[in-house]
Amino acid sequence: MNKSFTRKKILDESIELFSELGFSKASIRDLVRAVGVTNSTVYVHFKNKDEILFSIIENIAAVLRTELDAAIEKQDDPVECLRDMIFRQVYLIKERRKEIKIYIEEQNHLPAGLRKKVLKQHRELYNLYFNKILEIKGKGLAREIDPVVMTFGIFAMMNWAYRWFKDDGRLSIEQIAEGITHLFFEGILTRDSLADPEKNAS
């Protein structure tokens, strides 16, 4: 196996192990067995198990950032932009569910230095939502709710959808994304802007 392929294989198998067993219970021995390499091969690519976890979290955060940036680039209207951002983040569950689970549940296992880098990524993503909410409030479209509460409210609704979404369930990921988006906007937009969506673009 060439180096880039081996690194990807290590990450792919780590995603499977960490999502199934949890970071603490998954061992390098388990990983070596799953990848079909030696311990030393793993350590050529990663200093330790912490670094593998950090790479998984960093990668999925980068994917999410790309999706959110695409929504911001595409949508001029702040309400439609926020709607697109929420939809894209929830939709990622369909293809990247295991990575999202690791991203949310396992980051606290990282040592302080790596955890600080992850928190910086979180802050950047938070700010994308927070700033868009401020834009909506600045146009007089949002209720008098603190923007911090609104922003954390979005994440509270989105971040746990992976726990109960089922590929073969009654609701598709699209329906869940649309439902979460609708629920959020019903809670934050003024009655006038809900009754007259044209005001959002004015």
N, C-alpha and C. Protein backbone atom coordinates (compact mmCIF):
# COMPACT_ATOMS: atom_id res chain seq x y z
N MET A 1 0.85 -1.20 0.00
CA MET A 1 0.00 0.00 0.00
C MET A 1 0.88 1.24 0.00
N ASN A 2 0.54 2.25 -0.86
CA ASN A 2 1.32 3.48 -0.81
C ASN A 2 0.92 4.29 0.42
N LYS A 3 1.69 5.33 0.73
CA LYS A 3 1.54 6.03 2.00
C LYS A 3 0.19 6.71 2.14
N SER A 4 -0.27 7.38 1.08
CA SER A 4 -1.55 8.08 1.17
C SER A 4 -2.71 7.09 1.31
N PHE A 5 -2.62 5.97 0.61
CA PHE A 5 -3.66 4.96 0.72
C PHE A 5 -3.69 4.36 2.12
N THR A 6 -2.51 4.09 2.66
CA THR A 6 -2.42 3.50 4.00
C THR A 6 -2.98 4.45 5.05
N ARG A 7 -2.64 5.72 4.94
CA ARG A 7 -3.15 6.71 5.90
C ARG A 7 -4.68 6.76 5.83
N LYS A 8 -5.22 6.78 4.62
CA LYS A 8 -6.68 6.82 4.47
C LYS A 8 -7.31 5.56 5.05
N LYS A 9 -6.69 4.42 4.81
CA LYS A 9 -7.21 3.16 5.35
C LYS A 9 -7.22 3.17 6.88
N ILE A 10 -6.17 3.70 7.46
CA ILE A 10 -6.10 3.81 8.92
C ILE A 10 -7.23 4.70 9.43
N LEU A 11 -7.43 5.83 8.79
CA LEU A 11 -8.51 6.74 9.20
C LEU A 11 -9.88 6.10 9.01
N ASP A 12 -10.09 5.45 7.87
CA ASP A 12 -11.38 4.81 7.60
C ASP A 12 -11.71 3.75 8.64
N GLU A 13 -10.73 2.91 8.96
CA GLU A 13 -10.97 1.85 9.95
C GLU A 13 -11.11 2.44 11.34
N SER A 14 -10.42 3.53 11.62
CA SER A 14 -10.56 4.20 12.92
C SER A 14 -11.96 4.76 13.09
N ILE A 15 -12.51 5.31 12.02
CA ILE A 15 -13.87 5.81 12.07
C ILE A 15 -14.84 4.68 12.43
N GLU A 16 -14.66 3.54 11.81
CA GLU A 16 -15.52 2.38 12.12
C GLU A 16 -15.38 1.97 13.58
N LEU A 17 -14.13 1.86 14.05
CA LEU A 17 -13.88 1.40 15.42
C LEU A 17 -14.35 2.41 16.46
N PHE A 18 -14.00 3.68 16.25
CA PHE A 18 -14.36 4.71 17.24
C PHE A 18 -15.86 4.91 17.32
N SER A 19 -16.54 4.80 16.19
CA SER A 19 -18.00 4.99 16.21
C SER A 19 -18.71 3.78 16.82
N GLU A 20 -18.14 2.60 16.63
CA GLU A 20 -18.76 1.38 17.16
C GLU A 20 -18.42 1.14 18.62
N LEU A 21 -17.12 1.25 18.97
CA LEU A 21 -16.67 0.91 20.31
C LEU A 21 -16.49 2.12 21.23
N GLY A 22 -16.34 3.29 20.62
CA GLY A 22 -15.95 4.47 21.39
C GLY A 22 -14.43 4.59 21.38
N PHE A 23 -13.95 5.81 21.47
CA PHE A 23 -12.51 6.06 21.40
C PHE A 23 -11.74 5.34 22.50
N SER A 24 -12.26 5.37 23.71
CA SER A 24 -11.55 4.78 24.85
C SER A 24 -11.38 3.28 24.73
N LYS A 25 -12.39 2.60 24.23
CA LYS A 25 -12.36 1.13 24.17
C LYS A 25 -11.65 0.60 22.94
N ALA A 26 -11.58 1.40 21.89
CA ALA A 26 -10.89 0.95 20.66
C ALA A 26 -9.38 1.06 20.88
N SER A 27 -8.66 0.00 20.61
CA SER A 27 -7.22 -0.02 20.85
C SER A 27 -6.44 0.01 19.53
N ILE A 28 -5.17 0.35 19.64
CA ILE A 28 -4.30 0.30 18.46
C ILE A 28 -4.24 -1.14 17.94
N ARG A 29 -4.29 -2.10 18.83
CA ARG A 29 -4.30 -3.51 18.42
C ARG A 29 -5.50 -3.81 17.54
N ASP A 30 -6.68 -3.30 17.95
CA ASP A 30 -7.89 -3.47 17.14
C ASP A 30 -7.70 -2.84 15.76
N LEU A 31 -7.08 -1.67 15.76
CA LEU A 31 -6.89 -0.94 14.51
C LEU A 31 -5.92 -1.66 13.59
N VAL A 32 -4.83 -2.14 14.15
CA VAL A 32 -3.83 -2.88 13.36
C VAL A 32 -4.46 -4.10 12.71
N ARG A 33 -5.28 -4.78 13.48
CA ARG A 33 -5.96 -5.97 12.96
C ARG A 33 -6.92 -5.60 11.83
N ALA A 34 -7.66 -4.51 12.00
CA ALA A 34 -8.64 -4.10 11.00
C ALA A 34 -7.98 -3.63 9.71
N VAL A 35 -6.87 -2.91 9.83
CA VAL A 35 -6.19 -2.36 8.65
C VAL A 35 -5.35 -3.42 7.96
N GLY A 36 -4.80 -4.37 8.76
CA GLY A 36 -3.92 -5.39 8.20
C GLY A 36 -2.50 -4.91 8.04
N VAL A 37 -2.05 -4.09 9.01
CA VAL A 37 -0.67 -3.60 9.00
C VAL A 37 -0.05 -3.85 10.36
N THR A 38 1.21 -3.44 10.53
CA THR A 38 1.88 -3.59 11.82
C THR A 38 1.70 -2.33 12.66
N ASN A 39 1.99 -2.45 13.96
CA ASN A 39 1.94 -1.28 14.84
C ASN A 39 2.81 -0.15 14.32
N SER A 40 4.00 -0.50 13.87
CA SER A 40 4.95 0.51 13.43
C SER A 40 4.43 1.27 12.21
N THR A 41 3.65 0.61 11.37
CA THR A 41 3.08 1.28 10.19
C THR A 41 2.10 2.36 10.63
N VAL A 42 1.29 2.05 11.62
CA VAL A 42 0.35 3.05 12.14
C VAL A 42 1.12 4.26 12.66
N TYR A 43 2.21 4.00 13.39
CA TYR A 43 2.96 5.10 14.01
C TYR A 43 3.81 5.87 13.01
N VAL A 44 3.97 5.35 11.82
CA VAL A 44 4.61 6.13 10.75
C VAL A 44 3.70 7.29 10.35
N HIS A 45 2.39 7.03 10.38
CA HIS A 45 1.42 8.02 9.91
C HIS A 45 0.86 8.89 11.03
N PHE A 46 0.77 8.35 12.22
CA PHE A 46 0.19 9.08 13.34
C PHE A 46 1.03 8.85 14.59
N LYS A 47 1.24 9.91 15.34
CA LYS A 47 2.07 9.82 16.53
C LYS A 47 1.43 8.92 17.58
N ASN A 48 0.12 8.99 17.69
CA ASN A 48 -0.61 8.19 18.68
C ASN A 48 -2.10 8.17 18.33
N LYS A 49 -2.87 7.53 19.18
CA LYS A 49 -4.31 7.40 18.92
C LYS A 49 -5.01 8.75 19.00
N ASP A 50 -4.52 9.62 19.86
CA ASP A 50 -5.08 10.97 19.96
C ASP A 50 -5.00 11.70 18.62
N GLU A 51 -3.89 11.56 17.95
CA GLU A 51 -3.69 12.25 16.68
C GLU A 51 -4.64 11.70 15.60
N ILE A 52 -4.93 10.41 15.68
CA ILE A 52 -5.90 9.83 14.74
C ILE A 52 -7.27 10.44 14.98
N LEU A 53 -7.67 10.50 16.25
CA LEU A 53 -8.96 11.10 16.59
C LEU A 53 -9.03 12.55 16.13
N PHE A 54 -7.98 13.30 16.38
CA PHE A 54 -7.95 14.69 15.96
C PHE A 54 -8.09 14.82 14.45
N SER A 55 -7.43 13.95 13.69
CA SER A 55 -7.51 14.00 12.23
C SER A 55 -8.93 13.76 11.75
N ILE A 56 -9.63 12.81 12.38
CA ILE A 56 -11.02 12.53 12.00
C ILE A 56 -11.89 13.75 12.26
N ILE A 57 -11.73 14.34 13.44
CA ILE A 57 -12.53 15.51 13.81
C ILE A 57 -12.20 16.70 12.92
N GLU A 58 -10.93 16.91 12.67
CA GLU A 58 -10.50 18.02 11.82
C GLU A 58 -11.05 17.86 10.40
N ASN A 59 -11.04 16.64 9.89
CA ASN A 59 -11.51 16.39 8.53
C ASN A 59 -13.01 16.65 8.38
N ILE A 60 -13.81 16.16 9.34
CA ILE A 60 -15.25 16.34 9.19
C ILE A 60 -15.63 17.80 9.44
N ALA A 61 -14.88 18.49 10.29
CA ALA A 61 -15.12 19.92 10.49
C ALA A 61 -14.83 20.70 9.21
N ALA A 62 -13.80 20.28 8.48
CA ALA A 62 -13.46 20.94 7.21
C ALA A 62 -14.55 20.71 6.17
N VAL A 63 -15.11 19.50 6.14
CA VAL A 63 -16.21 19.20 5.22
C VAL A 63 -17.41 20.08 5.54
N LEU A 64 -17.73 20.17 6.82
CA LEU A 64 -18.87 20.99 7.24
C LEU A 64 -18.63 22.46 6.90
N ARG A 65 -17.41 22.94 7.14
CA ARG A 65 -17.11 24.34 6.83
C ARG A 65 -17.28 24.61 5.34
N THR A 66 -16.86 23.67 4.51
CA THR A 66 -17.02 23.83 3.06
C THR A 66 -18.49 23.95 2.68
N GLU A 67 -19.33 23.12 3.30
CA GLU A 67 -20.77 23.17 3.01
C GLU A 67 -21.38 24.50 3.45
N LEU A 68 -21.01 24.97 4.63
CA LEU A 68 -21.57 26.22 5.12
C LEU A 68 -21.09 27.41 4.29
N ASP A 69 -19.82 27.39 3.91
CA ASP A 69 -19.31 28.46 3.05
C ASP A 69 -20.03 28.48 1.70
N ALA A 70 -20.36 27.30 1.19
CA ALA A 70 -21.07 27.22 -0.09
C ALA A 70 -22.46 27.83 0.03
N ALA A 71 -23.13 27.59 1.16
CA ALA A 71 -24.45 28.18 1.38
C ALA A 71 -24.36 29.70 1.46
N ILE A 72 -23.35 30.19 2.17
CA ILE A 72 -23.17 31.63 2.33
C ILE A 72 -22.86 32.28 0.98
N GLU A 73 -22.07 31.60 0.18
CA GLU A 73 -21.72 32.12 -1.14
C GLU A 73 -22.93 32.13 -2.08
N LYS A 74 -23.79 31.15 -1.93
CA LYS A 74 -24.93 30.97 -2.84
C LYS A 74 -26.09 31.90 -2.52
N GLN A 75 -26.36 32.10 -1.23
CA GLN A 75 -27.59 32.79 -0.81
C GLN A 75 -27.31 34.21 -0.33
N ASP A 76 -27.97 35.18 -0.96
CA ASP A 76 -27.84 36.58 -0.54
C ASP A 76 -28.78 36.91 0.61
N ASP A 77 -29.98 36.35 0.56
CA ASP A 77 -30.96 36.62 1.61
C ASP A 77 -30.57 35.88 2.89
N PRO A 78 -30.47 36.57 4.03
CA PRO A 78 -29.97 35.91 5.25
C PRO A 78 -30.85 34.78 5.77
N VAL A 79 -32.16 34.91 5.61
CA VAL A 79 -33.05 33.84 6.06
C VAL A 79 -32.86 32.59 5.19
N GLU A 80 -32.86 32.78 3.88
CA GLU A 80 -32.65 31.64 2.99
C GLU A 80 -31.27 31.04 3.17
N CYS A 81 -30.29 31.90 3.45
CA CYS A 81 -28.93 31.42 3.68
C CYS A 81 -28.88 30.54 4.93
N LEU A 82 -29.48 31.03 6.02
CA LEU A 82 -29.48 30.24 7.26
C LEU A 82 -30.24 28.94 7.06
N ARG A 83 -31.33 29.00 6.33
CA ARG A 83 -32.10 27.79 6.03
C ARG A 83 -31.23 26.77 5.29
N ASP A 84 -30.48 27.25 4.31
CA ASP A 84 -29.58 26.38 3.53
C ASP A 84 -28.46 25.82 4.41
N MET A 85 -27.91 26.65 5.29
CA MET A 85 -26.85 26.19 6.19
C MET A 85 -27.33 25.05 7.08
N ILE A 86 -28.50 25.25 7.68
CA ILE A 86 -29.06 24.21 8.56
C ILE A 86 -29.31 22.93 7.78
N PHE A 87 -29.93 23.08 6.60
CA PHE A 87 -30.24 21.91 5.77
C PHE A 87 -28.97 21.14 5.43
N ARG A 88 -27.94 21.84 5.01
CA ARG A 88 -26.69 21.18 4.61
C ARG A 88 -26.04 20.46 5.78
N GLN A 89 -26.06 21.07 6.96
CA GLN A 89 -25.42 20.43 8.11
C GLN A 89 -26.16 19.18 8.52
N VAL A 90 -27.48 19.25 8.55
CA VAL A 90 -28.26 18.06 8.92
C VAL A 90 -28.11 16.98 7.85
N TYR A 91 -28.10 17.39 6.58
CA TYR A 91 -28.01 16.42 5.49
C TYR A 91 -26.70 15.63 5.53
N LEU A 92 -25.65 16.21 6.07
CA LEU A 92 -24.36 15.51 6.17
C LEU A 92 -24.48 14.21 6.95
N ILE A 93 -25.48 14.13 7.82
CA ILE A 93 -25.68 12.91 8.61
C ILE A 93 -25.86 11.71 7.71
N LYS A 94 -26.48 11.92 6.56
CA LYS A 94 -26.76 10.80 5.67
C LYS A 94 -25.49 10.10 5.20
N GLU A 95 -24.46 10.89 4.88
CA GLU A 95 -23.23 10.32 4.33
C GLU A 95 -22.09 10.21 5.35
N ARG A 96 -22.12 11.04 6.38
CA ARG A 96 -20.97 11.10 7.30
C ARG A 96 -21.39 10.90 8.76
N ARG A 97 -22.38 10.05 8.95
CA ARG A 97 -22.97 9.88 10.29
C ARG A 97 -21.95 9.44 11.34
N LYS A 98 -21.10 8.49 10.99
CA LYS A 98 -20.14 7.97 11.96
C LYS A 98 -19.12 9.03 12.36
N GLU A 99 -18.68 9.81 11.37
CA GLU A 99 -17.72 10.88 11.67
C GLU A 99 -18.36 11.95 12.53
N ILE A 100 -19.63 12.26 12.25
CA ILE A 100 -20.33 13.26 13.04
C ILE A 100 -20.50 12.79 14.49
N LYS A 101 -20.79 11.51 14.65
CA LYS A 101 -20.90 10.95 16.00
C LYS A 101 -19.58 11.12 16.75
N ILE A 102 -18.48 10.80 16.10
CA ILE A 102 -17.16 10.96 16.72
C ILE A 102 -16.89 12.42 17.02
N TYR A 103 -17.22 13.28 16.07
CA TYR A 103 -17.01 14.72 16.20
C TYR A 103 -17.71 15.26 17.45
N ILE A 104 -18.92 14.81 17.70
CA ILE A 104 -19.71 15.32 18.81
C ILE A 104 -19.36 14.63 20.13
N GLU A 105 -19.17 13.31 20.09
CA GLU A 105 -19.08 12.54 21.33
C GLU A 105 -17.67 12.32 21.86
N GLU A 106 -16.66 12.34 20.99
CA GLU A 106 -15.34 11.88 21.42
C GLU A 106 -14.29 12.98 21.60
N GLN A 107 -14.61 14.21 21.26
CA GLN A 107 -13.57 15.24 21.29
C GLN A 107 -13.02 15.51 22.69
N ASN A 108 -13.80 15.24 23.71
CA ASN A 108 -13.33 15.48 25.07
C ASN A 108 -12.21 14.55 25.49
N HIS A 109 -11.96 13.51 24.70
CA HIS A 109 -10.84 12.60 25.00
C HIS A 109 -9.50 13.16 24.53
N LEU A 110 -9.54 14.22 23.75
CA LEU A 110 -8.30 14.78 23.23
C LEU A 110 -7.52 15.49 24.33
N PRO A 111 -6.20 15.46 24.26
CA PRO A 111 -5.39 16.23 25.21
C PRO A 111 -5.61 17.73 24.99
N ALA A 112 -5.21 18.52 25.97
CA ALA A 112 -5.55 19.95 25.99
C ALA A 112 -5.15 20.68 24.70
N GLY A 113 -3.95 20.41 24.20
CA GLY A 113 -3.48 21.12 23.01
C GLY A 113 -4.33 20.87 21.79
N LEU A 114 -4.67 19.61 21.55
CA LEU A 114 -5.50 19.27 20.40
C LEU A 114 -6.95 19.70 20.62
N ARG A 115 -7.41 19.60 21.85
CA ARG A 115 -8.78 20.03 22.14
C ARG A 115 -8.93 21.53 21.91
N LYS A 116 -7.89 22.29 22.20
CA LYS A 116 -7.93 23.73 21.96
C LYS A 116 -8.09 24.03 20.47
N LYS A 117 -7.42 23.24 19.62
CA LYS A 117 -7.56 23.43 18.17
C LYS A 117 -8.98 23.09 17.70
N VAL A 118 -9.55 22.04 18.28
CA VAL A 118 -10.92 21.65 17.93
C VAL A 118 -11.91 22.74 18.35
N LEU A 119 -11.70 23.28 19.55
CA LEU A 119 -12.59 24.34 20.03
C LEU A 119 -12.50 25.58 19.14
N LYS A 120 -11.33 25.84 18.59
CA LYS A 120 -11.18 26.95 17.66
C LYS A 120 -12.03 26.70 16.40
N GLN A 121 -12.03 25.45 15.91
CA GLN A 121 -12.88 25.10 14.77
C GLN A 121 -14.35 25.28 15.12
N HIS A 122 -14.73 24.84 16.31
CA HIS A 122 -16.12 24.99 16.75
C HIS A 122 -16.52 26.46 16.77
N ARG A 123 -15.63 27.30 17.28
CA ARG A 123 -15.93 28.72 17.37
C ARG A 123 -16.13 29.33 15.99
N GLU A 124 -15.32 28.90 15.03
CA GLU A 124 -15.47 29.41 13.66
C GLU A 124 -16.82 29.03 13.07
N LEU A 125 -17.24 27.78 13.30
CA LEU A 125 -18.55 27.34 12.80
C LEU A 125 -19.68 28.08 13.53
N TYR A 126 -19.52 28.22 14.83
CA TYR A 126 -20.52 28.95 15.63
C TYR A 126 -20.68 30.37 15.10
N ASN A 127 -19.55 31.02 14.80
CA ASN A 127 -19.60 32.41 14.34
C ASN A 127 -20.32 32.55 13.00
N LEU A 128 -20.20 31.55 12.13
CA LEU A 128 -20.92 31.61 10.86
C LEU A 128 -22.43 31.70 11.10
N TYR A 129 -22.93 30.89 12.03
CA TYR A 129 -24.35 30.92 12.36
C TYR A 129 -24.71 32.19 13.12
N PHE A 130 -23.91 32.54 14.10
CA PHE A 130 -24.17 33.71 14.93
C PHE A 130 -24.26 34.98 14.08
N ASN A 131 -23.31 35.13 13.18
CA ASN A 131 -23.29 36.33 12.33
C ASN A 131 -24.50 36.38 11.39
N LYS A 132 -24.92 35.22 10.92
CA LYS A 132 -26.10 35.20 10.05
C LYS A 132 -27.35 35.56 10.84
N ILE A 133 -27.43 35.12 12.08
CA ILE A 133 -28.56 35.48 12.93
C ILE A 133 -28.56 36.99 13.22
N LEU A 134 -27.38 37.55 13.47
CA LEU A 134 -27.29 38.99 13.67
C LEU A 134 -27.78 39.75 12.43
N GLU A 135 -27.47 39.20 11.26
CA GLU A 135 -27.92 39.83 10.02
C GLU A 135 -29.44 39.80 9.92
N ILE A 136 -30.04 38.68 10.30
CA ILE A 136 -31.50 38.56 10.29
C ILE A 136 -32.12 39.53 11.30
N LYS A 137 -31.53 39.60 12.48
CA LYS A 137 -32.04 40.52 13.50
C LYS A 137 -31.88 41.98 13.04
N GLY A 138 -30.77 42.27 12.37
CA GLY A 138 -30.53 43.62 11.89
C GLY A 138 -31.57 44.08 10.88
N LYS A 139 -32.19 43.13 10.19
CA LYS A 139 -33.25 43.46 9.22
C LYS A 139 -34.63 43.50 9.88
N GLY A 140 -34.67 43.30 11.20
CA GLY A 140 -35.93 43.36 11.92
C GLY A 140 -36.83 42.16 11.71
N LEU A 141 -36.25 41.03 11.32
CA LEU A 141 -37.06 39.85 11.00
C LEU A 141 -37.17 38.86 12.15
N ALA A 142 -36.33 39.03 13.19
CA ALA A 142 -36.29 38.05 14.27
C ALA A 142 -36.92 38.60 15.55
N ARG A 143 -37.43 37.69 16.33
CA ARG A 143 -38.01 38.06 17.62
C ARG A 143 -36.91 38.56 18.56
N GLU A 144 -37.34 39.11 19.70
CA GLU A 144 -36.40 39.63 20.70
C GLU A 144 -35.88 38.48 21.57
N ILE A 145 -35.10 37.64 20.94
CA ILE A 145 -34.44 36.53 21.63
C ILE A 145 -32.95 36.75 21.49
N ASP A 146 -32.21 36.51 22.56
CA ASP A 146 -30.77 36.73 22.51
C ASP A 146 -30.15 35.88 21.39
N PRO A 147 -29.29 36.46 20.54
CA PRO A 147 -28.70 35.71 19.43
C PRO A 147 -27.83 34.53 19.87
N VAL A 148 -27.27 34.59 21.06
CA VAL A 148 -26.49 33.46 21.58
C VAL A 148 -27.43 32.27 21.83
N VAL A 149 -28.60 32.57 22.40
CA VAL A 149 -29.60 31.51 22.64
C VAL A 149 -30.05 30.91 21.31
N MET A 150 -30.29 31.78 20.33
CA MET A 150 -30.70 31.29 19.01
C MET A 150 -29.63 30.38 18.41
N THR A 151 -28.39 30.82 18.49
CA THR A 151 -27.30 30.06 17.86
C THR A 151 -27.13 28.70 18.51
N PHE A 152 -27.08 28.68 19.84
CA PHE A 152 -26.95 27.39 20.51
C PHE A 152 -28.20 26.54 20.32
N GLY A 153 -29.34 27.20 20.14
CA GLY A 153 -30.57 26.45 19.87
C GLY A 153 -30.49 25.69 18.56
N ILE A 154 -29.89 26.32 17.54
CA ILE A 154 -29.70 25.64 16.26
C ILE A 154 -28.86 24.38 16.46
N PHE A 155 -27.73 24.53 17.13
CA PHE A 155 -26.84 23.39 17.31
C PHE A 155 -27.50 22.29 18.16
N ALA A 156 -28.29 22.70 19.15
CA ALA A 156 -28.97 21.71 19.98
C ALA A 156 -29.90 20.85 19.15
N MET A 157 -30.59 21.46 18.19
CA MET A 157 -31.51 20.70 17.35
C MET A 157 -30.77 19.84 16.32
N MET A 158 -29.71 20.42 15.73
CA MET A 158 -29.01 19.72 14.66
C MET A 158 -28.14 18.59 15.18
N ASN A 159 -27.42 18.85 16.27
CA ASN A 159 -26.34 17.95 16.66
C ASN A 159 -26.77 16.57 17.12
N TRP A 160 -28.03 16.44 17.54
CA TRP A 160 -28.45 15.13 18.04
C TRP A 160 -29.30 14.36 17.05
N ALA A 161 -29.52 14.94 15.88
CA ALA A 161 -30.34 14.24 14.88
C ALA A 161 -29.72 12.91 14.47
N TYR A 162 -28.38 12.83 14.49
CA TYR A 162 -27.72 11.58 14.09
C TYR A 162 -28.06 10.43 15.03
N ARG A 163 -28.47 10.75 16.28
CA ARG A 163 -28.76 9.69 17.25
C ARG A 163 -30.06 8.96 16.93
N TRP A 164 -31.01 9.66 16.30
CA TRP A 164 -32.31 9.03 16.09
C TRP A 164 -32.69 8.87 14.63
N PHE A 165 -31.95 9.49 13.71
CA PHE A 165 -32.24 9.26 12.30
C PHE A 165 -31.90 7.83 11.92
N LYS A 166 -32.80 7.20 11.16
CA LYS A 166 -32.56 5.84 10.68
C LYS A 166 -32.67 5.82 9.15
N ASP A 167 -31.71 5.16 8.50
CA ASP A 167 -31.72 5.11 7.04
C ASP A 167 -33.02 4.52 6.49
N ASP A 168 -33.56 3.55 7.23
CA ASP A 168 -34.79 2.90 6.77
C ASP A 168 -36.00 3.35 7.58
N GLY A 169 -35.88 4.51 8.23
CA GLY A 169 -36.96 5.00 9.07
C GLY A 169 -38.08 5.66 8.29
N ARG A 170 -39.08 6.11 9.00
CA ARG A 170 -40.25 6.72 8.38
C ARG A 170 -39.91 8.04 7.70
N LEU A 171 -38.97 8.79 8.26
CA LEU A 171 -38.61 10.10 7.73
C LEU A 171 -37.26 10.04 7.01
N SER A 172 -37.19 10.68 5.86
CA SER A 172 -35.91 10.80 5.15
C SER A 172 -35.08 11.88 5.81
N ILE A 173 -33.79 11.91 5.51
CA ILE A 173 -32.94 12.95 6.07
C ILE A 173 -33.37 14.32 5.56
N GLU A 174 -33.88 14.38 4.33
CA GLU A 174 -34.39 15.64 3.79
C GLU A 174 -35.58 16.15 4.61
N GLN A 175 -36.49 15.24 4.97
CA GLN A 175 -37.66 15.63 5.76
C GLN A 175 -37.25 16.09 7.15
N ILE A 176 -36.26 15.42 7.72
CA ILE A 176 -35.77 15.82 9.05
C ILE A 176 -35.12 17.20 8.98
N ALA A 177 -34.29 17.41 7.96
CA ALA A 177 -33.63 18.71 7.80
C ALA A 177 -34.67 19.81 7.62
N GLU A 178 -35.67 19.55 6.80
CA GLU A 178 -36.72 20.55 6.57
C GLU A 178 -37.54 20.78 7.84
N GLY A 179 -37.80 19.72 8.59
CA GLY A 179 -38.56 19.86 9.84
C GLY A 179 -37.81 20.68 10.88
N ILE A 180 -36.53 20.41 11.04
CA ILE A 180 -35.71 21.17 11.98
C ILE A 180 -35.65 22.64 11.58
N THR A 181 -35.47 22.88 10.28
CA THR A 181 -35.40 24.25 9.78
C THR A 181 -36.71 24.99 10.03
N HIS A 182 -37.82 24.32 9.73
CA HIS A 182 -39.14 24.93 9.93
C HIS A 182 -39.37 25.23 11.41
N LEU A 183 -39.05 24.28 12.27
CA LEU A 183 -39.24 24.46 13.70
C LEU A 183 -38.43 25.64 14.22
N PHE A 184 -37.18 25.74 13.75
CA PHE A 184 -36.32 26.83 14.20
C PHE A 184 -36.87 28.19 13.76
N PHE A 185 -37.23 28.31 12.51
CA PHE A 185 -37.70 29.60 12.02
C PHE A 185 -39.05 29.99 12.61
N GLU A 186 -39.89 29.01 12.88
CA GLU A 186 -41.16 29.32 13.56
C GLU A 186 -40.89 29.93 14.92
N GLY A 187 -39.77 29.53 15.52
CA GLY A 187 -39.44 30.03 16.86
C GLY A 187 -38.78 31.39 16.88
N ILE A 188 -38.03 31.74 15.82
CA ILE A 188 -37.26 32.98 15.90
C ILE A 188 -37.78 34.12 15.03
N LEU A 189 -38.48 33.81 13.94
CA LEU A 189 -38.93 34.90 13.06
C LEU A 189 -40.18 35.58 13.61
N THR A 190 -40.31 36.86 13.33
CA THR A 190 -41.50 37.59 13.76
C THR A 190 -42.72 37.08 12.99
N ARG A 191 -43.88 37.32 13.55
CA ARG A 191 -45.11 36.89 12.88
C ARG A 191 -45.24 37.55 11.51
N ASP A 192 -44.86 38.82 11.43
CA ASP A 192 -44.98 39.54 10.16
C ASP A 192 -44.12 38.90 9.08
N SER A 193 -42.88 38.56 9.41
CA SER A 193 -41.99 38.00 8.38
C SER A 193 -42.40 36.59 8.01
N LEU A 194 -43.01 35.86 8.95
CA LEU A 194 -43.52 34.53 8.61
C LEU A 194 -44.73 34.63 7.68
N ALA A 195 -45.56 35.65 7.93
CA ALA A 195 -46.76 35.82 7.11
C ALA A 195 -46.43 36.37 5.74
N ASP A 196 -45.32 37.14 5.65
CA ASP A 196 -44.95 37.78 4.38
C ASP A 196 -43.47 37.52 4.10
N PRO A 197 -43.14 36.35 3.52
CA PRO A 197 -41.75 36.00 3.25
C PRO A 197 -41.02 37.01 2.38
N GLU A 198 -41.77 37.82 1.60
CA GLU A 198 -41.14 38.82 0.74
C GLU A 198 -40.37 39.85 1.57
N LYS A 199 -40.76 40.02 2.83
CA LYS A 199 -40.05 40.98 3.69
C LYS A 199 -38.61 40.54 3.95
N ASN A 200 -38.36 39.24 3.88
CA ASN A 200 -37.02 38.73 4.14
C ASN A 200 -36.01 39.28 3.14
N ALA A 201 -36.48 39.51 1.92
CA ALA A 201 -35.57 39.94 0.87
C ALA A 201 -35.50 41.46 0.74
N SER A 202 -36.32 42.15 1.52
CA SER A 202 -36.36 43.61 1.38
C SER A 202 -35.25 44.28 2.17
